[in-house]
PDB file of N, CA and C in Angstrom:
ATOM      1  N   MET A   1     -18.983  -9.294   7.515  1.00  0.00           N
ATOM      2  CA  MET A   1     -19.448 -10.495   6.613  1.00  0.00           C
ATOM      3  C   MET A   1     -20.856 -10.322   6.541  1.00  0.00           C
ATOM      4  N   LEU A   2     -21.074 -11.049   5.235  1.00  0.00           N
ATOM      5  CA  LEU A   2     -22.900 -10.441   4.663  1.00  0.00           C
ATOM      6  C   LEU A   2     -23.683 -11.546   5.301  1.00  0.00           C
ATOM      7  N   PRO A   3     -25.111 -11.108   6.285  1.00  0.00           N
ATOM      8  CA  PRO A   3     -25.832 -11.826   6.862  1.00  0.00           C
ATOM      9  C   PRO A   3     -26.113 -13.095   5.809  1.00  0.00           C
ATOM     10  N   GLN A   4     -26.139 -12.662   4.433  1.00  0.00           N
ATOM     11  CA  GLN A   4     -26.639 -13.317   3.894  1.00  0.00           C
ATOM     12  C   GLN A   4     -26.144 -14.520   3.164  1.00  0.00           C
ATOM     13  N   LEU A   5     -24.595 -14.687   3.562  1.00  0.00           N
ATOM     14  CA  LEU A   5     -23.880 -15.674   3.323  1.00  0.00           C
ATOM     15  C   LEU A   5     -23.222 -16.584   4.467  1.00  0.00           C
ATOM     16  N   GLN A   6     -23.901 -16.151   5.678  1.00  0.00           N
ATOM     17  CA  GLN A   6     -23.605 -16.603   6.920  1.00  0.00           C
ATOM     18  C   GLN A   6     -24.659 -17.135   7.784  1.00  0.00           C
ATOM     19  N   GLU A   7     -24.787 -18.455   8.191  1.00  0.00           N
ATOM     20  CA  GLU A   7     -26.022 -19.037   9.164  1.00  0.00           C
ATOM     21  C   GLU A   7     -25.172 -18.913  10.870  1.00  0.00           C
ATOM     22  N   VAL A   8     -25.975 -18.517  11.712  1.00  0.00           N
ATOM     23  CA  VAL A   8     -25.478 -18.462  13.043  1.00  0.00           C
ATOM     24  C   VAL A   8     -26.178 -19.141  13.636  1.00  0.00           C
ATOM     25  N   LYS A   9     -25.686 -20.429  14.430  1.00  0.00           N
ATOM     26  CA  LYS A   9     -26.838 -20.621  15.366  1.00  0.00           C
ATOM     27  C   LYS A   9     -25.970 -20.611  16.687  1.00  0.00           C
ATOM     28  N   VAL A  10     -27.502 -20.399  17.688  1.00  0.00           N
ATOM     29  CA  VAL A  10     -26.957 -19.954  18.970  1.00  0.00           C
ATOM     30  C   VAL A  10     -27.857 -21.418  19.804  1.00  0.00           C
ATOM     31  N   THR A  11     -26.110 -21.923  20.732  1.00  0.00           N
ATOM     32  CA  THR A  11     -26.928 -23.244  21.471  1.00  0.00           C
ATOM     33  C   THR A  11     -26.841 -22.982  22.735  1.00  0.00           C
ATOM     34  N   GLN A  12     -27.272 -23.189  24.269  1.00  0.00           N
ATOM     35  CA  GLN A  12     -27.463 -22.947  25.106  1.00  0.00           C
ATOM     36  C   GLN A  12     -26.926 -24.326  25.838  1.00  0.00           C
ATOM     37  N   LEU A  13     -25.445 -24.087  26.332  1.00  0.00           N
ATOM     38  CA  LEU A  13     -24.915 -25.593  27.618  1.00  0.00           C
ATOM     39  C   LEU A  13     -25.967 -25.653  28.476  1.00  0.00           C
ATOM     40  N   LYS A  14     -25.945 -26.901  28.591  1.00  0.00           N
ATOM     41  CA  LYS A  14     -26.859 -27.268  29.339  1.00  0.00           C
ATOM     42  C   LYS A  14     -26.454 -27.383  30.934  1.00  0.00           C
ATOM     43  N   THR A  15     -24.790 -27.304  31.241  1.00  0.00           N
ATOM     44  CA  THR A  15     -24.293 -27.396  32.390  1.00  0.00           C
ATOM     45  C   THR A  15     -24.133 -25.790  33.212  1.00  0.00           C
ATOM     46  N   THR A  16     -23.930 -24.749  32.052  1.00  0.00           N
ATOM     47  CA  THR A  16     -23.621 -23.643  32.666  1.00  0.00           C
ATOM     48  C   THR A  16     -24.826 -22.352  32.249  1.00  0.00           C
ATOM     49  N   GLY A  17     -25.427 -23.227  31.268  1.00  0.00           N
ATOM     50  CA  GLY A  17     -26.372 -22.092  31.014  1.00  0.00           C
ATOM     51  C   GLY A  17     -26.152 -20.956  29.763  1.00  0.00           C
ATOM     52  N   GLU A  18     -24.597 -20.909  29.737  1.00  0.00           N
ATOM     53  CA  GLU A  18     -24.339 -19.861  28.881  1.00  0.00           C
ATOM     54  C   GLU A  18     -24.839 -20.092  27.171  1.00  0.00           C
ATOM     55  N   THR A  19     -24.623 -19.313  26.457  1.00  0.00           N
ATOM     56  CA  THR A  19     -24.915 -19.513  25.207  1.00  0.00           C
ATOM     57  C   THR A  19     -23.731 -19.322  24.344  1.00  0.00           C
ATOM     58  N   ARG A  20     -23.214 -20.034  23.172  1.00  0.00           N
ATOM     59  CA  ARG A  20     -22.569 -20.204  22.248  1.00  0.00           C
ATOM     60  C   ARG A  20     -23.155 -19.720  20.651  1.00  0.00           C
ATOM     61  N   GLU A  21     -22.202 -19.480  20.183  1.00  0.00           N
ATOM     62  CA  GLU A  21     -22.371 -19.366  18.816  1.00  0.00           C
ATOM     63  C   GLU A  21     -21.530 -20.074  17.806  1.00  0.00           C
ATOM     64  N   LYS A  22     -22.639 -20.445  16.991  1.00  0.00           N
ATOM     65  CA  LYS A  22     -21.312 -21.458  15.987  1.00  0.00           C
ATOM     66  C   LYS A  22     -21.762 -20.160  14.664  1.00  0.00           C
ATOM     67  N   VAL A  23     -21.243 -20.129  13.763  1.00  0.00           N
ATOM     68  CA  VAL A  23     -21.279 -19.140  12.880  1.00  0.00           C
ATOM     69  C   VAL A  23     -20.691 -20.205  11.285  1.00  0.00           C
ATOM     70  N   SER A  24     -21.570 -20.307  10.398  1.00  0.00           N
ATOM     71  CA  SER A  24     -21.355 -21.013   9.256  1.00  0.00           C
ATOM     72  C   SER A  24     -21.013 -20.026   7.988  1.00  0.00           C
ATOM     73  N   TYR A  25     -20.488 -20.215   7.276  1.00  0.00           N
ATOM     74  CA  TYR A  25     -20.296 -19.025   6.000  1.00  0.00           C
ATOM     75  C   TYR A  25     -20.847 -19.960   4.937  1.00  0.00           C
ATOM     76  N   ALA A  26     -21.539 -19.757   3.829  1.00  0.00           N
ATOM     77  CA  ALA A  26     -22.065 -20.175   2.879  1.00  0.00           C
ATOM     78  C   ALA A  26     -20.621 -20.570   1.519  1.00  0.00           C
ATOM     79  N   GLU A  27     -20.764 -21.734   1.217  1.00  0.00           N
ATOM     80  CA  GLU A  27     -20.000 -22.424   0.018  1.00  0.00           C
ATOM     81  C   GLU A  27     -19.258 -21.539  -0.580  1.00  0.00           C
ATOM     82  N   SER A  28     -18.199 -21.956  -1.704  1.00  0.00           N
ATOM     83  CA  SER A  28     -17.679 -21.114  -2.206  1.00  0.00           C
ATOM     84  C   SER A  28     -18.863 -20.204  -3.550  1.00  0.00           C
ATOM     85  N   ASP A  29     -19.299 -21.602  -4.278  1.00  0.00           N
ATOM     86  CA  ASP A  29     -20.026 -21.262  -5.214  1.00  0.00           C
ATOM     87  C   ASP A  29     -21.331 -20.493  -4.801  1.00  0.00           C
ATOM     88  N   GLN A  30     -22.159 -20.353  -3.659  1.00  0.00           N
ATOM     89  CA  GLN A  30     -22.769 -19.872  -3.564  1.00  0.00           C
ATOM     90  C   GLN A  30     -22.741 -18.344  -2.886  1.00  0.00           C
ATOM     91  N   ALA A  31     -21.252 -18.778  -2.371  1.00  0.00           N
ATOM     92  CA  ALA A  31     -20.625 -16.875  -2.842  1.00  0.00           C
ATOM     93  C   ALA A  31     -20.725 -16.272  -3.953  1.00  0.00           C
ATOM     94  N   LEU A  32     -19.785 -16.861  -4.867  1.00  0.00           N
ATOM     95  CA  LEU A  32     -19.929 -16.346  -6.274  1.00  0.00           C
ATOM     96  C   LEU A  32     -21.855 -15.848  -6.803  1.00  0.00           C
ATOM     97  N   ASP A  33     -22.859 -17.003  -6.676  1.00  0.00           N
ATOM     98  CA  ASP A  33     -23.883 -16.606  -7.284  1.00  0.00           C
ATOM     99  C   ASP A  33     -24.315 -15.423  -6.316  1.00  0.00           C
ATOM    100  N   TYR A  34     -24.244 -15.562  -5.337  1.00  0.00           N
ATOM    101  CA  TYR A  34     -24.944 -13.866  -4.387  1.00  0.00           C
ATOM    102  C   TYR A  34     -24.023 -12.703  -5.266  1.00  0.00           C
ATOM    103  N   LEU A  35     -22.727 -13.046  -5.529  1.00  0.00           N
ATOM    104  CA  LEU A  35     -21.846 -11.887  -5.489  1.00  0.00           C
ATOM    105  C   LEU A  35     -22.105 -11.512  -7.226  1.00  0.00           C
ATOM    106  N   LEU A  36     -22.503 -12.526  -7.782  1.00  0.00           N
ATOM    107  CA  LEU A  36     -22.503 -12.068  -9.361  1.00  0.00           C
ATOM    108  C   LEU A  36     -24.379 -11.290  -9.634  1.00  0.00           C
ATOM    109  N   GLY A  37     -25.179 -12.084  -8.714  1.00  0.00           N
ATOM    110  CA  GLY A  37     -26.508 -11.272  -8.610  1.00  0.00           C
ATOM    111  C   GLY A  37     -26.364 -10.129  -8.532  1.00  0.00           C
ATOM    112  N   ALA A  38     -25.963  -9.854  -7.122  1.00  0.00           N
ATOM    113  CA  ALA A  38     -25.348  -8.317  -7.014  1.00  0.00           C
ATOM    114  C   ALA A  38     -25.130  -7.362  -8.026  1.00  0.00           C
ATOM    115  N   ILE A  39     -23.857  -7.625  -8.414  1.00  0.00           N
ATOM    116  CA  ILE A  39     -23.147  -7.235  -9.380  1.00  0.00           C
ATOM    117  C   ILE A  39     -24.193  -6.704 -11.085  1.00  0.00           C
ATOM    118  N   ASP A  40     -25.096  -8.188 -11.224  1.00  0.00           N
ATOM    119  CA  ASP A  40     -25.963  -7.961 -11.651  1.00  0.00           C
ATOM    120  C   ASP A  40     -26.965  -6.286 -11.286  1.00  0.00           C
ATOM    121  N   ARG A  41     -26.991  -6.615 -10.072  1.00  0.00           N
ATOM    122  CA  ARG A  41     -28.427  -5.322  -9.780  1.00  0.00           C
ATOM    123  C   ARG A  41     -27.786  -4.378  -9.667  1.00  0.00           C
ATOM    124  N   ALA A  42     -26.489  -4.112  -9.471  1.00  0.00           N
ATOM    125  CA  ALA A  42     -25.913  -2.683  -9.244  1.00  0.00           C
ATOM    126  C   ALA A  42     -26.316  -1.891 -10.345  1.00  0.00           C
ATOM    127  N   LYS A  43     -26.545  -0.668 -10.165  1.00  0.00           N
ATOM    128  CA  LYS A  43     -26.709   0.751 -11.090  1.00  0.00           C
ATOM    129  C   LYS A  43     -26.031   1.397 -11.586  1.00  0.00           C
ATOM    130  N   SER A  44     -25.020   1.126 -10.650  1.00  0.00           N
ATOM    131  CA  SER A  44     -23.395   2.376 -11.012  1.00  0.00           C
ATOM    132  C   SER A  44     -22.291   1.275 -10.937  1.00  0.00           C
ATOM    133  N   ALA A  45     -21.495   2.122 -11.868  1.00  0.00           N
ATOM    134  CA  ALA A  45     -19.743   1.290 -11.840  1.00  0.00           C
ATOM    135  C   ALA A  45     -19.251   1.715 -10.306  1.00  0.00           C
ATOM    136  N   ASN A  46     -19.670   2.590 -10.235  1.00  0.00           N
ATOM    137  CA  ASN A  46     -19.445   2.655  -8.169  1.00  0.00           C
ATOM    138  C   ASN A  46     -19.769   1.593  -7.375  1.00  0.00           C
ATOM    139  N   GLU A  47     -20.948   1.024  -7.699  1.00  0.00           N
ATOM    140  CA  GLU A  47     -21.620  -0.336  -6.277  1.00  0.00           C
ATOM    141  C   GLU A  47     -21.127  -1.077  -7.099  1.00  0.00           C
ATOM    142  N   VAL A  48     -20.387  -1.254  -8.078  1.00  0.00           N
ATOM    143  CA  VAL A  48     -20.101  -2.461  -8.162  1.00  0.00           C
ATOM    144  C   VAL A  48     -18.624  -2.669  -8.349  1.00  0.00           C
ATOM    145  N   LEU A  49     -17.496  -1.741  -8.275  1.00  0.00           N
ATOM    146  CA  LEU A  49     -16.333  -1.323  -7.229  1.00  0.00           C
ATOM    147  C   LEU A  49     -16.908  -1.551  -5.595  1.00  0.00           C
ATOM    148  N   GLU A  50     -17.688  -1.118  -5.422  1.00  0.00           N
ATOM    149  CA  GLU A  50     -18.269  -1.252  -4.114  1.00  0.00           C
ATOM    150  C   GLU A  50     -18.111  -2.594  -3.584  1.00  0.00           C
ATOM    151  N   LEU A  51     -18.934  -3.367  -4.019  1.00  0.00           N
ATOM    152  CA  LEU A  51     -19.599  -4.877  -3.948  1.00  0.00           C
ATOM    153  C   LEU A  51     -18.068  -5.912  -3.951  1.00  0.00           C
ATOM    154  N   LEU A  52     -17.575  -5.676  -5.087  1.00  0.00           N
ATOM    155  CA  LEU A  52     -15.766  -6.291  -4.823  1.00  0.00           C
ATOM    156  C   LEU A  52     -14.888  -5.894  -4.061  1.00  0.00           C
ATOM    157  N   ALA A  53     -15.059  -4.261  -3.646  1.00  0.00           N
ATOM    158  CA  ALA A  53     -13.983  -4.359  -2.327  1.00  0.00           C
ATOM    159  C   ALA A  53     -14.387  -5.192  -1.190  1.00  0.00           C
ATOM    160  N   ASP A  54     -15.734  -4.947  -1.209  1.00  0.00           N
ATOM    161  CA  ASP A  54     -16.512  -5.693  -0.029  1.00  0.00           C
ATOM    162  C   ASP A  54     -16.114  -7.438   0.096  1.00  0.00           C
ATOM    163  N   ALA A  55     -16.136  -7.704  -1.656  1.00  0.00           N
ATOM    164  CA  ALA A  55     -16.271  -9.659  -1.586  1.00  0.00           C
ATOM    165  C   ALA A  55     -14.551  -9.496  -0.896  1.00  0.00           C
ATOM    166  N   VAL A  56     -13.409  -8.657  -1.391  1.00  0.00           N
ATOM    167  CA  VAL A  56     -11.915  -8.568  -0.941  1.00  0.00           C
ATOM    168  C   VAL A  56     -11.381  -8.657   0.304  1.00  0.00           C
ATOM    169  N   ILE A  57     -12.800  -7.754   1.245  1.00  0.00           N
ATOM    170  CA  ILE A  57     -12.197  -7.542   2.177  1.00  0.00           C
ATOM    171  C   ILE A  57     -12.911  -8.773   3.041  1.00  0.00           C
ATOM    172  N   SER A  58     -14.059  -9.310   2.573  1.00  0.00           N
ATOM    173  CA  SER A  58     -14.735 -10.289   3.402  1.00  0.00           C
ATOM    174  C   SER A  58     -13.512 -11.637   3.246  1.00  0.00           C
ATOM    175  N   ALA A  59     -13.492 -11.796   1.936  1.00  0.00           N
ATOM    176  CA  ALA A  59     -12.322 -12.952   1.786  1.00  0.00           C
ATOM    177  C   ALA A  59     -10.984 -12.783   2.640  1.00  0.00           C
ATOM    178  N   HIS A  60     -10.802 -11.809   3.241  1.00  0.00           N
ATOM    179  CA  HIS A  60      -9.558 -11.715   3.666  1.00  0.00           C
ATOM    180  C   HIS A  60      -9.607 -11.886   5.042  1.00  0.00           C
ATOM    181  N   LEU A  61     -10.899 -11.070   5.495  1.00  0.00           N
ATOM    182  CA  LEU A  61     -11.409 -11.724   7.052  1.00  0.00           C
ATOM    183  C   LEU A  61     -11.499 -12.944   7.620  1.00  0.00           C
ATOM    184  N   VAL A  62     -12.421 -13.281   6.401  1.00  0.00           N
ATOM    185  CA  VAL A  62     -13.021 -14.865   6.697  1.00  0.00           C
ATOM    186  C   VAL A  62     -11.813 -15.983   6.630  1.00  0.00           C
ATOM    187  N   ASP A  63     -10.719 -15.517   5.710  1.00  0.00           N
ATOM    188  CA  ASP A  63      -9.482 -16.679   4.997  1.00  0.00           C
ATOM    189  C   ASP A  63      -8.821 -16.646   6.685  1.00  0.00           C
ATOM    190  N   GLU A  64      -8.564 -15.142   7.267  1.00  0.00           N
ATOM    191  CA  GLU A  64      -7.610 -14.878   8.444  1.00  0.00           C
ATOM    192  C   GLU A  64      -8.128 -15.440   9.960  1.00  0.00           C
ATOM    193  N   ARG A  65      -9.723 -15.266   9.984  1.00  0.00           N
ATOM    194  CA  ARG A  65     -10.330 -15.358  10.611  1.00  0.00           C
ATOM    195  C   ARG A  65     -10.804 -16.892  11.470  1.00  0.00           C
ATOM    196  N   GLU A  66     -11.061 -17.477  10.201  1.00  0.00           N
ATOM    197  CA  GLU A  66     -11.413 -18.774  10.392  1.00  0.00           C
ATOM    198  C   GLU A  66     -11.099 -19.862  10.179  1.00  0.00           C
ATOM    199  N   LEU A  67      -9.579 -19.742   9.321  1.00  0.00           N
ATOM    200  CA  LEU A  67      -9.131 -21.053   8.851  1.00  0.00           C
ATOM    201  C   LEU A  67      -8.005 -20.964   9.555  1.00  0.00           C
ATOM    202  N   PRO A  68      -6.587 -22.001   9.845  1.00  0.00           N
ATOM    203  CA  PRO A  68      -5.971 -22.128  10.525  1.00  0.00           C
ATOM    204  C   PRO A  68      -4.970 -21.640   9.669  1.00  0.00           C
ATOM    205  N   GLN A  69      -3.696 -21.331   9.673  1.00  0.00           N
ATOM    206  CA  GLN A  69      -2.458 -20.566   8.719  1.00  0.00           C
ATOM    207  C   GLN A  69      -1.962 -21.899   7.582  1.00  0.00           C
ATOM    208  N   SER A  70      -1.824 -22.660   7.781  1.00  0.00           N
ATOM    209  CA  SER A  70      -2.014 -24.128   7.351  1.00  0.00           C
ATOM    210  C   SER A  70      -2.623 -24.467   5.836  1.00  0.00           C
ATOM    211  N   ARG A  71      -4.003 -23.719   6.381  1.00  0.00           N
ATOM    212  CA  ARG A  71      -5.137 -24.375   5.381  1.00  0.00           C
ATOM    213  C   ARG A  71      -6.035 -23.446   4.646  1.00  0.00           C
ATOM    214  N   ARG A  72      -5.202 -22.096   5.097  1.00  0.00           N
ATOM    215  CA  ARG A  72      -5.536 -20.964   4.099  1.00  0.00           C
ATOM    216  C   ARG A  72      -5.627 -20.883   3.152  1.00  0.00           C
ATOM    217  N   VAL A  73      -5.971 -20.700   1.904  1.00  0.00           N
ATOM    218  CA  VAL A  73      -6.568 -20.262   0.544  1.00  0.00           C
ATOM    219  C   VAL A  73      -5.234 -20.060  -0.140  1.00  0.00           C
ATOM    220  N   GLY A  74      -4.779 -18.900   0.172  1.00  0.00           N
ATOM    221  CA  GLY A  74      -3.893 -18.103   0.059  1.00  0.00           C
ATOM    222  C   GLY A  74      -4.539 -17.289  -1.271  1.00  0.00           C
ATOM    223  N   TRP A  75      -5.562 -16.913  -1.563  1.00  0.00           N
ATOM    224  CA  TRP A  75      -6.220 -16.405  -3.227  1.00  0.00           C
ATOM    225  C   TRP A  75      -5.673 -14.527  -3.179  1.00  0.00           C
ATOM    226  N   HIS A  76      -4.983 -14.266  -1.944  1.00  0.00           N
ATOM    227  CA  HIS A  76      -4.460 -12.877  -2.670  1.00  0.00           C
ATOM    228  C   HIS A  76      -3.183 -12.664  -2.353  1.00  0.00           C
ATOM    229  N   HIS A  77      -2.527 -11.707  -3.213  1.00  0.00           N
ATOM    230  CA  HIS A  77      -0.923 -12.178  -3.387  1.00  0.00           C
ATOM    231  C   HIS A  77      -0.700 -10.561  -2.843  1.00  0.00           C
ATOM    232  N   ARG A  78       0.621  -9.806  -3.435  1.00  0.00           N
ATOM    233  CA  ARG A  78       1.001  -8.702  -2.810  1.00  0.00           C
ATOM    234  C   ARG A  78      -0.187  -7.302  -3.412  1.00  0.00           C
ATOM    235  N   CYS A  79      -0.484  -7.118  -4.555  1.00  0.00           N
ATOM    236  CA  CYS A  79      -1.835  -6.325  -4.482  1.00  0.00           C
ATOM    237  C   CYS A  79      -2.789  -6.500  -4.030  1.00  0.00           C
ATOM    238  N   ILE A  80      -3.170  -7.460  -3.478  1.00  0.00           N
ATOM    239  CA  ILE A  80      -4.218  -8.336  -2.718  1.00  0.00           C
ATOM    240  C   ILE A  80      -4.419  -7.188  -1.632  1.00  0.00           C
ATOM    241  N   ALA A  81      -2.858  -7.508  -0.866  1.00  0.00           N
ATOM    242  CA  ALA A  81      -2.514  -7.529   0.327  1.00  0.00           C
ATOM    243  C   ALA A  81      -2.227  -5.860   0.313  1.00  0.00           C
ATOM    244  N   ASN A  82      -2.156  -5.106  -1.013  1.00  0.00           N
ATOM    245  CA  ASN A  82      -1.763  -3.745  -0.607  1.00  0.00           C
ATOM    246  C   ASN A  82      -3.212  -2.838  -0.713  1.00  0.00           C
ATOM    247  N   ALA A  83      -4.068  -3.497  -1.360  1.00  0.00           N
ATOM    248  CA  ALA A  83      -5.293  -3.343  -1.385  1.00  0.00           C
ATOM    249  C   ALA A  83      -6.401  -3.372   0.458  1.00  0.00           C
ATOM    250  N   VAL A  84      -5.767  -4.440   1.011  1.00  0.00           N
ATOM    251  CA  VAL A  84      -6.171  -4.561   1.718  1.00  0.00           C
ATOM    252  C   VAL A  84      -5.292  -3.694   3.219  1.00  0.00           C
ATOM    253  N   GLU A  85      -4.350  -3.649   3.021  1.00  0.00           N
ATOM    254  CA  GLU A  85      -3.876  -2.169   3.731  1.00  0.00           C
ATOM    255  C   GLU A  85      -4.308  -0.706   3.448  1.00  0.00           C
ATOM    256  N   LEU A  86      -4.849  -0.740   2.386  1.00  0.00           N
ATOM    257  CA  LEU A  86      -5.112   0.823   1.750  1.00  0.00           C
ATOM    258  C   LEU A  86      -6.753   0.917   2.562  1.00  0.00           C
ATOM    259  N   LEU A  87      -7.079  -0.605   2.080  1.00  0.00           N
ATOM    260  CA  LEU A  87      -8.719  -0.360   3.084  1.00  0.00           C
ATOM    261  C   LEU A  87      -8.600  -0.837   4.384  1.00  0.00           C
ATOM    262  N   ALA A  88      -7.798  -0.138   4.987  1.00  0.00           N
ATOM    263  CA  ALA A  88      -7.513  -0.872   6.645  1.00  0.00           C
ATOM    264  C   ALA A  88      -8.545  -0.015   7.303  1.00  0.00           C
ATOM    265  N   GLU A  89      -9.068   1.269   7.163  1.00  0.00           N
ATOM    266  CA  GLU A  89      -9.825   1.497   7.726  1.00  0.00           C
ATOM    267  C   GLU A  89     -11.682   1.205   7.379  1.00  0.00           C
ATOM    268  N   ASP A  90     -11.683   0.643   6.177  1.00  0.00           N
ATOM    269  CA  ASP A  90     -13.350   0.140   6.282  1.00  0.00           C
ATOM    270  C   ASP A  90     -13.404  -0.943   6.436  1.00  0.00           C
ATOM    271  N   ILE A  91     -12.074  -1.846   7.145  1.00  0.00           N
ATOM    272  CA  ILE A  91     -11.767  -3.342   7.389  1.00  0.00           C
ATOM    273  C   ILE A  91     -12.670  -3.265   8.619  1.00  0.00           C
ATOM    274  N   ALA A  92     -11.599  -2.180   9.626  1.00  0.00           N
ATOM    275  CA  ALA A  92     -11.385  -2.005  10.828  1.00  0.00           C
ATOM    276  C   ALA A  92     -13.342  -1.844  11.014  1.00  0.00           C
ATOM    277  N   GLU A  93     -13.975  -0.681  10.232  1.00  0.00           N
ATOM    278  CA  GLU A  93     -14.977  -0.345  10.506  1.00  0.00           C
ATOM    279  C   GLU A  93     -16.222  -1.753  10.349  1.00  0.00           C
ATOM    280  N   ILE A  94     -16.122  -2.940   9.264  1.00  0.00           N
ATOM    281  CA  ILE A  94     -17.069  -3.696   9.547  1.00  0.00           C
ATOM    282  C   ILE A  94     -16.583  -5.109  10.018  1.00  0.00           C
ATOM    283  N   LYS A  95     -15.059  -5.537  10.726  1.00  0.00           N
ATOM    284  CA  LYS A  95     -15.067  -6.134  11.158  1.00  0.00           C
ATOM    285  C   LYS A  95     -15.614  -6.507  12.424  1.00  0.00           C
ATOM    286  N   PRO A  96     -15.905  -7.742  12.952  1.00  0.00           N
ATOM    287  CA  PRO A  96     -16.869  -7.983  13.407  1.00  0.00           C
ATOM    288  C   PRO A  96     -15.665  -8.482  15.239  1.00  0.00           C
ATOM    289  N   PRO A  97     -16.134  -7.730  16.116  1.00  0.00           N
ATOM    290  CA  PRO A  97     -14.795  -8.181  17.574  1.00  0.00           C
ATOM    291  C   PRO A  97     -14.770  -9.520  17.637  1.00  0.00           C
ATOM    292  N   LYS A  98     -13.871  -9.970  18.099  1.00  0.00           N
ATOM    293  CA  LYS A  98     -13.097 -11.512  18.051  1.00  0.00           C
ATOM    294  C   LYS A  98     -13.790 -12.201  19.443  1.00  0.00           C
ATOM    295  N   ARG A  99     -13.836 -13.300  19.216  1.00  0.00           N
ATOM    296  CA  ARG A  99     -14.866 -14.046  19.823  1.00  0.00           C
ATOM    297  C   ARG A  99     -13.589 -14.837  20.264  1.00  0.00           C
ATOM    298  N   ARG A 100     -13.850 -15.549  21.466  1.00  0.00           N
ATOM    299  CA  ARG A 100     -13.141 -16.421  22.149  1.00  0.00           C
ATOM    300  C   ARG A 100     -13.158 -17.821  21.694  1.00  0.00           C
ATOM    301  N   LYS A 101     -12.564 -18.858  21.530  1.00  0.00           N
ATOM    302  CA  LYS A 101     -13.362 -20.257  21.062  1.00  0.00           C
ATOM    303  C   LYS A 101     -13.003 -21.150  21.814  1.00  0.00           C
TER     304      LYS A 101
END
């Protein structure tokens, strides 16, 4: 996920002293503004394609990781699912490790 589109709050538990992280993600309009700005700043068609691929990967990961199945947006269809499958190696490279909730 892009650090520009997330906020991480670290708190320390009083009883055990352990630290906990809570990640908040940008609202959809903020994410869209960021993506459109990045596309405007892109210097080539390949940069635009990379930005769009990153957006698809990020949306897939956030949808899968942060929402219960009943609340997922379902923005992707078979075509996107195929793209996610084709980009599996790229997804694995940027996918953050699973956290215990």
